[in-house]
Amino acid sequence: MSSQSRIRRIVVCVDGTFYNPDGKEGKGTGNNTNVFRIFASVRYGKFTDANGNAVEQVWPPTNQGPN
């Protein structure tokens, strides 16, 4: 097989609280949860990893709380 395999990482961050993506609950000032902080630190898009491999990291569309 001569073609290089494509690396694609799908990132899913799930929080058990009803916080908005900006870390706020309702209309209060809120506080970012640890899950939100991890989500915010994950690199998005195409880049080269430490081993020189081309990597694409994506996250699926999410719901903004319960329906």
Protein backbone atom coordinates (compact mmCIF):
# COMPACT_ATOMS: atom_id res chain seq x y z
CA MET A 1 0.00 0.00 0.00
CA SER A 2 1.72 3.15 -1.18
CA SER A 3 -0.73 5.77 0.04
CA GLN A 4 -0.30 7.21 3.50
CA SER A 5 -3.18 6.65 5.91
CA ARG A 6 -5.09 9.72 7.02
CA ILE A 7 -5.26 10.39 10.75
CA ARG A 8 -8.47 11.97 11.96
CA ARG A 9 -9.25 12.51 15.62
CA ILE A 10 -12.81 13.13 16.72
CA VAL A 11 -12.97 15.05 19.99
CA VAL A 12 -16.07 14.66 22.15
CA CYS A 13 -16.33 16.62 25.42
CA VAL A 14 -19.37 15.83 27.55
CA ASP A 15 -20.27 17.77 30.67
CA GLY A 16 -22.96 16.70 33.13
CA THR A 17 -23.99 20.27 33.92
CA PHE A 18 -26.28 22.62 32.06
CA TYR A 19 -23.60 25.19 31.28
CA ASN A 20 -23.48 27.09 28.01
CA PRO A 21 -20.32 26.77 25.88
CA ASP A 22 -18.93 29.93 27.50
CA GLY A 23 -19.18 28.30 30.93
CA LYS A 24 -22.20 30.25 32.11
CA GLU A 25 -25.38 28.75 33.49
CA GLY A 26 -28.52 30.72 32.77
CA LYS A 27 -27.94 34.45 33.20
CA GLY A 28 -25.39 34.20 36.01
CA THR A 29 -21.73 35.02 35.61
CA GLY A 30 -20.88 31.33 35.84
CA ASN A 31 -17.54 29.61 36.08
CA ASN A 32 -15.89 27.49 33.39
CA THR A 33 -16.08 23.77 34.13
CA ASN A 34 -13.06 21.49 33.74
CA VAL A 35 -14.69 19.88 30.69
CA PHE A 36 -15.08 23.30 29.07
CA ARG A 37 -11.45 24.14 29.84
CA ILE A 38 -10.30 20.91 28.16
CA PHE A 39 -12.58 21.62 25.18
CA ALA A 40 -11.13 25.13 24.86
CA SER A 41 -7.55 23.81 24.92
CA VAL A 42 -8.02 21.19 22.16
CA ARG A 43 -6.50 22.20 18.87
CA TYR A 44 -9.00 22.24 15.99
CA GLY A 45 -8.26 21.69 12.31
CA LYS A 46 -5.31 20.29 10.36
CA PHE A 47 -1.77 20.27 11.72
CA THR A 48 1.37 18.12 11.95
CA ASP A 49 1.95 16.14 15.15
CA ALA A 50 5.29 15.59 16.93
CA ASN A 51 6.03 12.56 14.70
CA GLY A 52 5.50 14.49 11.47
CA ASN A 53 2.09 12.96 10.72
CA ALA A 54 -0.65 15.09 9.20
CA VAL A 55 -3.57 15.11 11.65
CA GLU A 56 -7.06 16.56 11.43
CA GLN A 57 -8.94 17.10 14.69
CA VAL A 58 -12.65 17.79 14.56
CA TRP A 59 -15.53 17.80 16.97
CA PRO A 60 -19.10 17.02 16.03
CA PRO A 61 -21.87 19.61 16.33
CA THR A 62 -23.30 19.65 19.84
CA ASN A 63 -26.54 20.40 21.53
CA GLN A 64 -26.64 23.42 23.81
CA GLY A 65 -28.21 21.59 26.75
CA PRO A 66 -31.36 19.47 27.01
CA ASN A 67 -34.11 19.75 24.40
